[in-house]
Amino acid sequence: MATIPRTTPSIRSLNLLLRTAPRFAQTQYRRHTTASASGAKSSVNPEEVSHFNALASTWWDPHGSSRLLHLMNPLRHDFIRTCHASQPTPVAKEGLRYLDIGCGGGIFAESAARLGSVKSVTAVDPSPEVLAVAKAHARQDPGLAAKLTYLNVSVEGLPAPKGLQDQYDVLSLFEVIEHITHPAQFLDACTPFVKPGGWIIMSTIARTWTSWVTTKLVAEDIAGIVPRGTHDWEKYINEDELRGHFLKERGWNSPRVMGVVYVPGLGWKEISGSEKLGNYFFGIRKDE
């Protein structure tokens, strides 16, 4: 999957990265944005799907390959609450509808469906093996049946919304955008599903030399915290690039960001300013 070799990089490779990263960071998102002109009709990358299919059996193991996602899940809800608290009109206390794109094994989707304020969660993923794990796990809790729906489809395969009844209060993209080859095109496909006043909420990774060291060199190659090939540094997106994408035209407002750092033994912690270095949450609200 990754374009960076899966062996531990040499000092020569690291030096090359440090020399080229600043220039790369200025041009990479532009290349991804203009790449949509290639005519690609789907955001699904078969190599990415194959990689996550291979991890399907361990998705719900809190000590397995998805351990960091389990640990991050509480912060996902915290960030959504922070976004809702920032809006000028109070969020509804019940009846909220969620659309979870790239839901994987359902770690977030299940937890969202259990919230009293949530009416329904539609969770979609292009990986059939991972989605089968999600469905099997959800069946262990009969209370989820009426609120949680899984669909084996990409966002492009969803029927276009015909009105407010087909749109969602929250569209979540957790650990998804960094696995997309053409992020601007993908985000454009997501935005019609958000109702006026609703939010797109995501978590992703900044494209810096620091994130390359921590996520590729340390997390994958040295410590083995995540499986090799999980990340492709070239697909990381900086927070200012996301702001620029949504704010280049009218229609979106109130961007929010929260930087987070994984601390061994303590889990994920909010660290102000760390969105410029590595993992972060990003939220933006659709105009009413």
C-alpha atoms as a PDB file:
ATOM      1  CA  MET A   1       0.000   0.000   0.000  1.00  0.00           C
ATOM      2  CA  ALA A   2       2.560   2.554   1.137  1.00  0.00           C
ATOM      3  CA  THR A   3       4.947   4.225  -1.238  1.00  0.00           C
ATOM      4  CA  ILE A   4       7.566   4.428   1.512  1.00  0.00           C
ATOM      5  CA  PRO A   5       9.506   1.154   1.801  1.00  0.00           C
ATOM      6  CA  ARG A   6       8.384  -1.110   4.626  1.00  0.00           C
ATOM      7  CA  THR A   7      11.895  -1.689   5.904  1.00  0.00           C
ATOM      8  CA  THR A   8      13.513   0.482   8.550  1.00  0.00           C
ATOM      9  CA  PRO A   9      14.767   3.592   6.689  1.00  0.00           C
ATOM     10  CA  SER A  10      18.464   4.319   6.556  1.00  0.00           C
ATOM     11  CA  ILE A  11      20.013   7.530   7.882  1.00  0.00           C
ATOM     12  CA  ARG A  12      20.497   8.577   4.260  1.00  0.00           C
ATOM     13  CA  SER A  13      16.748   8.202   3.630  1.00  0.00           C
ATOM     14  CA  LEU A  14      15.912  10.191   6.750  1.00  0.00           C
ATOM     15  CA  ASN A  15      18.265  12.995   5.720  1.00  0.00           C
ATOM     16  CA  LEU A  16      16.618  13.085   2.308  1.00  0.00           C
ATOM     17  CA  LEU A  17      13.190  13.347   3.934  1.00  0.00           C
ATOM     18  CA  LEU A  18      14.255  16.228   6.180  1.00  0.00           C
ATOM     19  CA  ARG A  19      15.639  18.135   3.200  1.00  0.00           C
ATOM     20  CA  THR A  20      12.565  17.666   1.025  1.00  0.00           C
ATOM     21  CA  ALA A  21       9.677  17.742   3.525  1.00  0.00           C
ATOM     22  CA  PRO A  22       9.131  21.539   3.565  1.00  0.00           C
ATOM     23  CA  ARG A  23       8.917  21.732  -0.229  1.00  0.00           C
ATOM     24  CA  PHE A  24       6.774  18.608  -0.350  1.00  0.00           C
ATOM     25  CA  ALA A  25       4.337  20.023   2.187  1.00  0.00           C
ATOM     26  CA  GLN A  26       3.722  23.048  -0.024  1.00  0.00           C
ATOM     27  CA  THR A  27       2.821  21.030  -3.106  1.00  0.00           C
ATOM     28  CA  GLN A  28       1.395  17.695  -2.015  1.00  0.00           C
ATOM     29  CA  TYR A  29      -2.204  18.718  -1.283  1.00  0.00           C
ATOM     30  CA  ARG A  30      -2.310  20.729  -4.507  1.00  0.00           C
ATOM     31  CA  ARG A  31      -1.295  17.586  -6.406  1.00  0.00           C
ATOM     32  CA  HIS A  32      -3.963  15.553  -4.654  1.00  0.00           C
ATOM     33  CA  THR A  33      -6.573  18.245  -5.320  1.00  0.00           C
ATOM     34  CA  THR A  34      -5.882  18.586  -9.017  1.00  0.00           C
ATOM     35  CA  ALA A  35      -5.644  14.814  -9.376  1.00  0.00           C
ATOM     36  CA  SER A  36      -9.433  14.675  -9.313  1.00  0.00           C
ATOM     37  CA  ALA A  37      -9.294  15.726 -12.940  1.00  0.00           C
ATOM     38  CA  SER A  38      -8.090  12.214 -13.706  1.00  0.00           C
ATOM     39  CA  GLY A  39     -11.714  11.126 -13.710  1.00  0.00           C
ATOM     40  CA  ALA A  40     -11.554   8.697 -10.776  1.00  0.00           C
ATOM     41  CA  LYS A  41     -15.130   7.778  -9.809  1.00  0.00           C
ATOM     42  CA  SER A  42     -14.477   6.134  -6.474  1.00  0.00           C
ATOM     43  CA  SER A  43     -12.425   7.013  -3.428  1.00  0.00           C
ATOM     44  CA  VAL A  44     -11.809   3.332  -2.723  1.00  0.00           C
ATOM     45  CA  ASN A  45      -8.220   2.175  -3.091  1.00  0.00           C
ATOM     46  CA  PRO A  46      -8.151  -1.640  -3.544  1.00  0.00           C
ATOM     47  CA  GLU A  47      -4.750  -1.884  -1.837  1.00  0.00           C
ATOM     48  CA  GLU A  48      -6.078  -0.032   1.213  1.00  0.00           C
ATOM     49  CA  VAL A  49      -9.119  -2.329   1.352  1.00  0.00           C
ATOM     50  CA  SER A  50      -6.884  -5.390   1.104  1.00  0.00           C
ATOM     51  CA  HIS A  51      -4.701  -4.131   3.948  1.00  0.00           C
ATOM     52  CA  PHE A  52      -7.645  -3.615   6.314  1.00  0.00           C
ATOM     53  CA  ASN A  53      -9.284  -6.876   5.261  1.00  0.00           C
ATOM     54  CA  ALA A  54      -6.200  -8.609   6.622  1.00  0.00           C
ATOM     55  CA  LEU A  55      -6.718  -6.923  10.003  1.00  0.00           C
ATOM     56  CA  ALA A  56     -10.427  -7.738  10.256  1.00  0.00           C
ATOM     57  CA  SER A  57     -10.168 -10.627  12.715  1.00  0.00           C
ATOM     58  CA  THR A  58      -8.417  -8.502  15.368  1.00  0.00           C
ATOM     59  CA  TRP A  59     -10.557  -5.364  15.056  1.00  0.00           C
ATOM     60  CA  TRP A  60     -12.321  -5.776  18.402  1.00  0.00           C
ATOM     61  CA  ASP A  61      -9.269  -6.994  20.301  1.00  0.00           C
ATOM     62  CA  PRO A  62      -8.436  -4.039  22.601  1.00  0.00           C
ATOM     63  CA  HIS A  63      -4.829  -5.208  22.628  1.00  0.00           C
ATOM     64  CA  GLY A  64      -4.652  -6.043  18.913  1.00  0.00           C
ATOM     65  CA  SER A  65      -3.879  -4.138  15.736  1.00  0.00           C
ATOM     66  CA  SER A  66      -6.671  -1.609  16.384  1.00  0.00           C
ATOM     67  CA  ARG A  67      -5.620  -0.879  19.964  1.00  0.00           C
ATOM     68  CA  LEU A  68      -4.923   2.795  19.287  1.00  0.00           C
ATOM     69  CA  LEU A  69      -8.400   3.237  17.782  1.00  0.00           C
ATOM     70  CA  HIS A  70     -10.029   1.789  20.902  1.00  0.00           C
ATOM     71  CA  LEU A  71      -8.019   4.182  23.043  1.00  0.00           C
ATOM     72  CA  MET A  72      -8.890   7.156  20.827  1.00  0.00           C
ATOM     73  CA  ASN A  73     -12.646   6.518  20.760  1.00  0.00           C
ATOM     74  CA  PRO A  74     -13.524   8.518  23.919  1.00  0.00           C
ATOM     75  CA  LEU A  75     -11.745  11.562  22.475  1.00  0.00           C
ATOM     76  CA  ARG A  76     -13.848  11.278  19.321  1.00  0.00           C
ATOM     77  CA  HIS A  77     -17.002  11.821  21.354  1.00  0.00           C
ATOM     78  CA  ASP A  78     -15.376  14.556  23.413  1.00  0.00           C
ATOM     79  CA  PHE A  79     -14.473  16.465  20.268  1.00  0.00           C
ATOM     80  CA  ILE A  80     -17.977  16.156  18.813  1.00  0.00           C
ATOM     81  CA  ARG A  81     -19.427  17.500  22.066  1.00  0.00           C
ATOM     82  CA  THR A  82     -16.970  20.404  21.929  1.00  0.00           C
ATOM     83  CA  CYS A  83     -18.033  21.215  18.373  1.00  0.00           C
ATOM     84  CA  HIS A  84     -21.729  21.079  19.274  1.00  0.00           C
ATOM     85  CA  ALA A  85     -21.148  23.280  22.327  1.00  0.00           C
ATOM     86  CA  SER A  86     -19.513  25.924  20.131  1.00  0.00           C
ATOM     87  CA  GLN A  87     -22.453  26.437  17.781  1.00  0.00           C
ATOM     88  CA  PRO A  88     -24.790  29.431  18.274  1.00  0.00           C
ATOM     89  CA  THR A  89     -27.940  27.312  18.531  1.00  0.00           C
ATOM     90  CA  PRO A  90     -27.999  24.446  21.049  1.00  0.00           C
ATOM     91  CA  VAL A  91     -27.775  20.973  19.548  1.00  0.00           C
ATOM     92  CA  ALA A  92     -30.882  18.801  19.764  1.00  0.00           C
ATOM     93  CA  LYS A  93     -30.962  16.564  22.818  1.00  0.00           C
ATOM     94  CA  GLU A  94     -32.412  13.688  20.811  1.00  0.00           C
ATOM     95  CA  GLY A  95     -33.067  12.587  17.247  1.00  0.00           C
ATOM     96  CA  LEU A  96     -29.553  13.130  15.872  1.00  0.00           C
ATOM     97  CA  ARG A  97     -28.558  11.159  12.777  1.00  0.00           C
ATOM     98  CA  TYR A  98     -24.951  10.084  12.179  1.00  0.00           C
ATOM     99  CA  LEU A  99     -23.230   8.926   8.992  1.00  0.00           C
ATOM    100  CA  ASP A 100     -19.913   7.192   9.714  1.00  0.00           C
ATOM    101  CA  ILE A 101     -17.823   6.908   6.544  1.00  0.00           C
ATOM    102  CA  GLY A 102     -15.056   4.294   6.620  1.00  0.00           C
ATOM    103  CA  CYS A 103     -16.482   2.776   9.787  1.00  0.00           C
ATOM    104  CA  GLY A 104     -14.154  -0.225   9.864  1.00  0.00           C
ATOM    105  CA  GLY A 105     -15.192  -2.735  12.511  1.00  0.00           C
ATOM    106  CA  GLY A 106     -17.629  -0.291  14.093  1.00  0.00           C
ATOM    107  CA  ILE A 107     -15.742   0.941  17.155  1.00  0.00           C
ATOM    108  CA  PHE A 108     -17.152   4.458  16.844  1.00  0.00           C
ATOM    109  CA  ALA A 109     -20.443   3.514  15.159  1.00  0.00           C
ATOM    110  CA  GLU A 110     -21.493   1.201  17.996  1.00  0.00           C
ATOM    111  CA  SER A 111     -20.633   3.729  20.680  1.00  0.00           C
ATOM    112  CA  ALA A 112     -22.505   6.495  18.850  1.00  0.00           C
ATOM    113  CA  ALA A 113     -25.599   4.306  18.464  1.00  0.00           C
ATOM    114  CA  ARG A 114     -25.722   3.856  22.234  1.00  0.00           C
ATOM    115  CA  LEU A 115     -26.013   7.604  22.881  1.00  0.00           C
ATOM    116  CA  GLY A 116     -29.426   8.752  24.047  1.00  0.00           C
ATOM    117  CA  SER A 117     -29.268  11.794  21.777  1.00  0.00           C
ATOM    118  CA  VAL A 118     -28.754   9.684  18.659  1.00  0.00           C
ATOM    119  CA  LYS A 119     -31.699   8.393  16.653  1.00  0.00           C
ATOM    120  CA  SER A 120     -29.732   6.431  14.059  1.00  0.00           C
ATOM    121  CA  VAL A 121     -26.232   5.653  12.831  1.00  0.00           C
ATOM    122  CA  THR A 122     -25.557   4.627   9.243  1.00  0.00           C
ATOM    123  CA  ALA A 123     -22.042   3.213   8.978  1.00  0.00           C
ATOM    124  CA  VAL A 124     -20.421   2.420   5.626  1.00  0.00           C
ATOM    125  CA  ASP A 125     -17.173   0.764   4.613  1.00  0.00           C
ATOM    126  CA  PRO A 126     -15.844  -0.716   1.350  1.00  0.00           C
ATOM    127  CA  SER A 127     -14.146  -3.664   3.097  1.00  0.00           C
ATOM    128  CA  PRO A 128     -16.506  -6.673   3.216  1.00  0.00           C
ATOM    129  CA  GLU A 129     -14.374  -8.641   5.666  1.00  0.00           C
ATOM    130  CA  VAL A 130     -14.098  -5.781   8.150  1.00  0.00           C
ATOM    131  CA  LEU A 131     -17.787  -4.972   7.810  1.00  0.00           C
ATOM    132  CA  ALA A 132     -18.683  -8.606   8.502  1.00  0.00           C
ATOM    133  CA  VAL A 133     -16.785  -8.298  11.787  1.00  0.00           C
ATOM    134  CA  ALA A 134     -18.682  -5.096  12.587  1.00  0.00           C
ATOM    135  CA  LYS A 135     -22.064  -6.720  11.944  1.00  0.00           C
ATOM    136  CA  ALA A 136     -21.203  -9.821  13.979  1.00  0.00           C
ATOM    137  CA  HIS A 137     -20.092  -7.740  16.946  1.00  0.00           C
ATOM    138  CA  ALA A 138     -23.203  -5.539  16.797  1.00  0.00           C
ATOM    139  CA  ARG A 139     -25.438  -8.617  16.923  1.00  0.00           C
ATOM    140  CA  GLN A 140     -24.149  -9.272  20.440  1.00  0.00           C
ATOM    141  CA  ASP A 141     -26.152  -6.235  21.579  1.00  0.00           C
ATOM    142  CA  PRO A 142     -29.800  -6.570  20.433  1.00  0.00           C
ATOM    143  CA  GLY A 143     -30.422  -2.982  21.485  1.00  0.00           C
ATOM    144  CA  LEU A 144     -28.358  -1.762  18.522  1.00  0.00           C
ATOM    145  CA  ALA A 145     -30.551  -3.377  15.862  1.00  0.00           C
ATOM    146  CA  ALA A 146     -33.027  -0.502  15.611  1.00  0.00           C
ATOM    147  CA  LYS A 147     -30.405   2.249  15.560  1.00  0.00           C
ATOM    148  CA  LEU A 148     -27.345   0.947  13.716  1.00  0.00           C
ATOM    149  CA  THR A 149     -27.193   0.102  10.004  1.00  0.00           C
ATOM    150  CA  TYR A 150     -24.070  -1.151   8.217  1.00  0.00           C
ATOM    151  CA  LEU A 151     -23.636  -0.815   4.446  1.00  0.00           C
ATOM    152  CA  ASN A 152     -20.852  -2.330   2.346  1.00  0.00           C
ATOM    153  CA  VAL A 153     -20.431   0.635   0.007  1.00  0.00           C
ATOM    154  CA  SER A 154     -18.280   3.699  -0.629  1.00  0.00           C
ATOM    155  CA  VAL A 155     -19.650   7.207  -0.175  1.00  0.00           C
ATOM    156  CA  GLU A 156     -19.999   7.450  -3.946  1.00  0.00           C
ATOM    157  CA  GLY A 157     -22.290   4.416  -3.853  1.00  0.00           C
ATOM    158  CA  LEU A 158     -24.784   5.999  -1.467  1.00  0.00           C
ATOM    159  CA  PRO A 159     -27.993   7.409  -3.008  1.00  0.00           C
ATOM    160  CA  ALA A 160     -27.771  11.180  -3.329  1.00  0.00           C
ATOM    161  CA  PRO A 161     -29.822  12.914  -0.617  1.00  0.00           C
ATOM    162  CA  LYS A 162     -33.106  14.328  -1.910  1.00  0.00           C
ATOM    163  CA  GLY A 163     -33.802  16.542   1.106  1.00  0.00           C
ATOM    164  CA  LEU A 164     -33.252  17.094   4.810  1.00  0.00           C
ATOM    165  CA  GLN A 165     -34.674  13.668   5.588  1.00  0.00           C
ATOM    166  CA  ASP A 166     -31.708  12.110   3.768  1.00  0.00           C
ATOM    167  CA  GLN A 167     -29.036  14.295   5.381  1.00  0.00           C
ATOM    168  CA  TYR A 168     -27.172  13.885   8.655  1.00  0.00           C
ATOM    169  CA  ASP A 169     -26.342  15.956  11.712  1.00  0.00           C
ATOM    170  CA  VAL A 170     -22.842  14.478  11.972  1.00  0.00           C
ATOM    171  CA  LEU A 171     -20.735  12.945   9.209  1.00  0.00           C
ATOM    172  CA  SER A 172     -17.660  11.324  10.716  1.00  0.00           C
ATOM    173  CA  LEU A 173     -14.391  10.455   8.971  1.00  0.00           C
ATOM    174  CA  PHE A 174     -12.211   8.951  11.665  1.00  0.00           C
ATOM    175  CA  GLU A 175      -8.769   7.853  10.483  1.00  0.00           C
ATOM    176  CA  VAL A 176     -10.045   7.837   6.899  1.00  0.00           C
ATOM    177  CA  ILE A 177      -8.835  10.831   4.896  1.00  0.00           C
ATOM    178  CA  GLU A 178      -5.166   9.793   5.137  1.00  0.00           C
ATOM    179  CA  HIS A 179      -6.054   6.598   3.266  1.00  0.00           C
ATOM    180  CA  ILE A 180      -7.698   8.441   0.348  1.00  0.00           C
ATOM    181  CA  THR A 181      -5.772   9.019  -2.871  1.00  0.00           C
ATOM    182  CA  HIS A 182      -7.806  12.070  -3.955  1.00  0.00           C
ATOM    183  CA  PRO A 183      -8.928  13.783  -0.719  1.00  0.00           C
ATOM    184  CA  ALA A 184     -10.488  16.907  -2.245  1.00  0.00           C
ATOM    185  CA  GLN A 185     -12.694  14.845  -4.536  1.00  0.00           C
ATOM    186  CA  PHE A 186     -13.618  12.561  -1.653  1.00  0.00           C
ATOM    187  CA  LEU A 187     -14.613  15.446   0.628  1.00  0.00           C
ATOM    188  CA  ASP A 188     -16.722  16.950  -2.141  1.00  0.00           C
ATOM    189  CA  ALA A 189     -18.578  13.631  -2.371  1.00  0.00           C
ATOM    190  CA  CYS A 190     -19.240  13.682   1.386  1.00  0.00           C
ATOM    191  CA  THR A 191     -20.536  17.226   1.803  1.00  0.00           C
ATOM    192  CA  PRO A 192     -24.047  16.777   0.278  1.00  0.00           C
ATOM    193  CA  PHE A 193     -24.887  14.316   3.068  1.00  0.00           C
ATOM    194  CA  VAL A 194     -24.486  16.948   5.805  1.00  0.00           C
ATOM    195  CA  LYS A 195     -27.628  18.901   6.687  1.00  0.00           C
ATOM    196  CA  PRO A 196     -27.476  22.695   7.128  1.00  0.00           C
ATOM    197  CA  GLY A 197     -26.069  23.336  10.587  1.00  0.00           C
ATOM    198  CA  GLY A 198     -24.534  19.852  10.691  1.00  0.00           C
ATOM    199  CA  TRP A 199     -20.880  18.948  11.113  1.00  0.00           C
ATOM    200  CA  ILE A 200     -18.156  17.042   9.335  1.00  0.00           C
ATOM    201  CA  ILE A 201     -15.916  15.605  12.048  1.00  0.00           C
ATOM    202  CA  MET A 202     -12.649  13.846  11.284  1.00  0.00           C
ATOM    203  CA  SER A 203      -9.352  12.746  12.747  1.00  0.00           C
ATOM    204  CA  THR A 204      -6.205  12.476  10.698  1.00  0.00           C
ATOM    205  CA  ILE A 205      -2.451  13.173  10.699  1.00  0.00           C
ATOM    206  CA  ALA A 206      -0.446  16.245   9.725  1.00  0.00           C
ATOM    207  CA  ARG A 207       2.166  15.771   7.005  1.00  0.00           C
ATOM    208  CA  THR A 208       5.393  16.779   8.753  1.00  0.00           C
ATOM    209  CA  TRP A 209       8.776  15.211   9.280  1.00  0.00           C
ATOM    210  CA  THR A 210       7.744  14.646  12.908  1.00  0.00           C
ATOM    211  CA  SER A 211       4.715  12.574  11.890  1.00  0.00           C
ATOM    212  CA  TRP A 212       6.865  10.548   9.495  1.00  0.00           C
ATOM    213  CA  VAL A 213       9.244   9.673  12.335  1.00  0.00           C
ATOM    214  CA  THR A 214       6.481   8.855  14.833  1.00  0.00           C
ATOM    215  CA  THR A 215       3.976   7.029  12.601  1.00  0.00           C
ATOM    216  CA  LYS A 216       6.225   5.340  10.059  1.00  0.00           C
ATOM    217  CA  LEU A 217       9.650   4.893  11.629  1.00  0.00           C
ATOM    218  CA  VAL A 218       8.682   4.403  15.278  1.00  0.00           C
ATOM    219  CA  ALA A 219       5.065   3.151  15.336  1.00  0.00           C
ATOM    220  CA  GLU A 220       5.341   0.797  12.338  1.00  0.00           C
ATOM    221  CA  ASP A 221       8.984  -0.136  11.874  1.00  0.00           C
ATOM    222  CA  ILE A 222      10.524  -0.003  15.359  1.00  0.00           C
ATOM    223  CA  ALA A 223       7.838  -0.377  18.038  1.00  0.00           C
ATOM    224  CA  GLY A 224       5.284  -2.261  15.929  1.00  0.00           C
ATOM    225  CA  ILE A 225       2.386  -0.436  17.613  1.00  0.00           C
ATOM    226  CA  VAL A 226       0.491  -0.544  14.312  1.00  0.00           C
ATOM    227  CA  PRO A 227       0.967  -2.991  11.416  1.00  0.00           C
ATOM    228  CA  ARG A 228       3.438  -2.034   8.734  1.00  0.00           C
ATOM    229  CA  GLY A 229       1.838  -0.429   5.725  1.00  0.00           C
ATOM    230  CA  THR A 230      -1.062   1.058   7.697  1.00  0.00           C
ATOM    231  CA  HIS A 231      -0.005   4.597   6.843  1.00  0.00           C
ATOM    232  CA  ASP A 232       1.255   6.361   3.738  1.00  0.00           C
ATOM    233  CA  TRP A 233       2.982   9.585   4.774  1.00  0.00           C
ATOM    234  CA  GLU A 234       2.411  11.129   1.360  1.00  0.00           C
ATOM    235  CA  LYS A 235      -1.365  11.047   1.981  1.00  0.00           C
ATOM    236  CA  TYR A 236      -1.257  12.933   5.286  1.00  0.00           C
ATOM    237  CA  ILE A 237      -3.036  16.301   5.227  1.00  0.00           C
ATOM    238  CA  ASN A 238      -2.260  19.413   7.246  1.00  0.00           C
ATOM    239  CA  GLU A 239      -4.935  21.247   9.182  1.00  0.00           C
ATOM    240  CA  ASP A 240      -4.528  24.478   7.212  1.00  0.00           C
ATOM    241  CA  GLU A 241      -5.084  22.544   3.986  1.00  0.00           C
ATOM    242  CA  LEU A 242      -8.417  21.251   5.278  1.00  0.00           C
ATOM    243  CA  ARG A 243      -9.428  24.767   6.327  1.00  0.00           C
ATOM    244  CA  GLY A 244      -8.510  26.062   2.908  1.00  0.00           C
ATOM    245  CA  HIS A 245     -10.548  23.381   1.172  1.00  0.00           C
ATOM    246  CA  PHE A 246     -13.753  24.109   3.085  1.00  0.00           C
ATOM    247  CA  LEU A 247     -13.422  27.877   3.350  1.00  0.00           C
ATOM    248  CA  LYS A 248     -12.408  28.595  -0.235  1.00  0.00           C
ATOM    249  CA  GLU A 249     -16.098  29.017  -1.017  1.00  0.00           C
ATOM    250  CA  ARG A 250     -19.032  30.031   1.141  1.00  0.00           C
ATOM    251  CA  GLY A 251     -20.958  27.193   2.688  1.00  0.00           C
ATOM    252  CA  TRP A 252     -18.908  26.178   5.719  1.00  0.00           C
ATOM    253  CA  ASN A 253     -17.980  27.900   8.947  1.00  0.00           C
ATOM    254  CA  SER A 254     -16.568  27.538  12.454  1.00  0.00           C
ATOM    255  CA  PRO A 255     -13.570  25.253  11.822  1.00  0.00           C
ATOM    256  CA  ARG A 256     -12.260  23.659  14.996  1.00  0.00           C
ATOM    257  CA  VAL A 257      -9.118  21.659  15.626  1.00  0.00           C
ATOM    258  CA  MET A 258      -7.714  19.642  18.520  1.00  0.00           C
ATOM    259  CA  GLY A 259      -4.217  18.198  18.527  1.00  0.00           C
ATOM    260  CA  VAL A 260      -3.711  14.858  20.271  1.00  0.00           C
ATOM    261  CA  VAL A 261      -0.654  12.834  21.219  1.00  0.00           C
ATOM    262  CA  TYR A 262      -0.393   9.174  22.162  1.00  0.00           C
ATOM    263  CA  VAL A 263       1.443   8.808  25.473  1.00  0.00           C
ATOM    264  CA  PRO A 264       2.498   5.197  26.189  1.00  0.00           C
ATOM    265  CA  GLY A 265       0.843   3.970  29.349  1.00  0.00           C
ATOM    266  CA  LEU A 266      -1.584   6.894  29.458  1.00  0.00           C
ATOM    267  CA  GLY A 267      -3.313   6.782  26.075  1.00  0.00           C
ATOM    268  CA  TRP A 268      -4.310   9.711  23.852  1.00  0.00           C
ATOM    269  CA  LYS A 269      -4.081  13.185  25.378  1.00  0.00           C
ATOM    270  CA  GLU A 270      -5.112  16.576  24.042  1.00  0.00           C
ATOM    271  CA  ILE A 271      -1.994  18.720  23.556  1.00  0.00           C
ATOM    272  CA  SER A 272      -2.498  22.269  22.343  1.00  0.00           C
ATOM    273  CA  GLY A 273      -0.530  22.976  19.182  1.00  0.00           C
ATOM    274  CA  SER A 274       0.256  19.347  18.425  1.00  0.00           C
ATOM    275  CA  GLU A 275      -2.021  19.496  15.363  1.00  0.00           C
ATOM    276  CA  LYS A 276       0.990  21.062  13.646  1.00  0.00           C
ATOM    277  CA  LEU A 277       3.071  17.949  14.333  1.00  0.00           C
ATOM    278  CA  GLY A 278       0.940  14.795  14.096  1.00  0.00           C
ATOM    279  CA  ASN A 279      -2.508  13.475  14.989  1.00  0.00           C
ATOM    280  CA  TYR A 280      -5.422  15.890  15.277  1.00  0.00           C
ATOM    281  CA  PHE A 281      -9.199  16.223  15.131  1.00  0.00           C
ATOM    282  CA  PHE A 282     -10.856  18.631  12.717  1.00  0.00           C
ATOM    283  CA  GLY A 283     -14.469  19.754  12.605  1.00  0.00           C
ATOM    284  CA  ILE A 284     -16.357  22.206  10.414  1.00  0.00           C
ATOM    285  CA  ARG A 285     -20.019  23.258  10.321  1.00  0.00           C
ATOM    286  CA  LYS A 286     -22.256  23.626   7.293  1.00  0.00           C
ATOM    287  CA  ASP A 287     -24.007  26.970   6.895  1.00  0.00           C
ATOM    288  CA  GLU A 288     -27.665  27.000   7.904  1.00  0.00           C
END
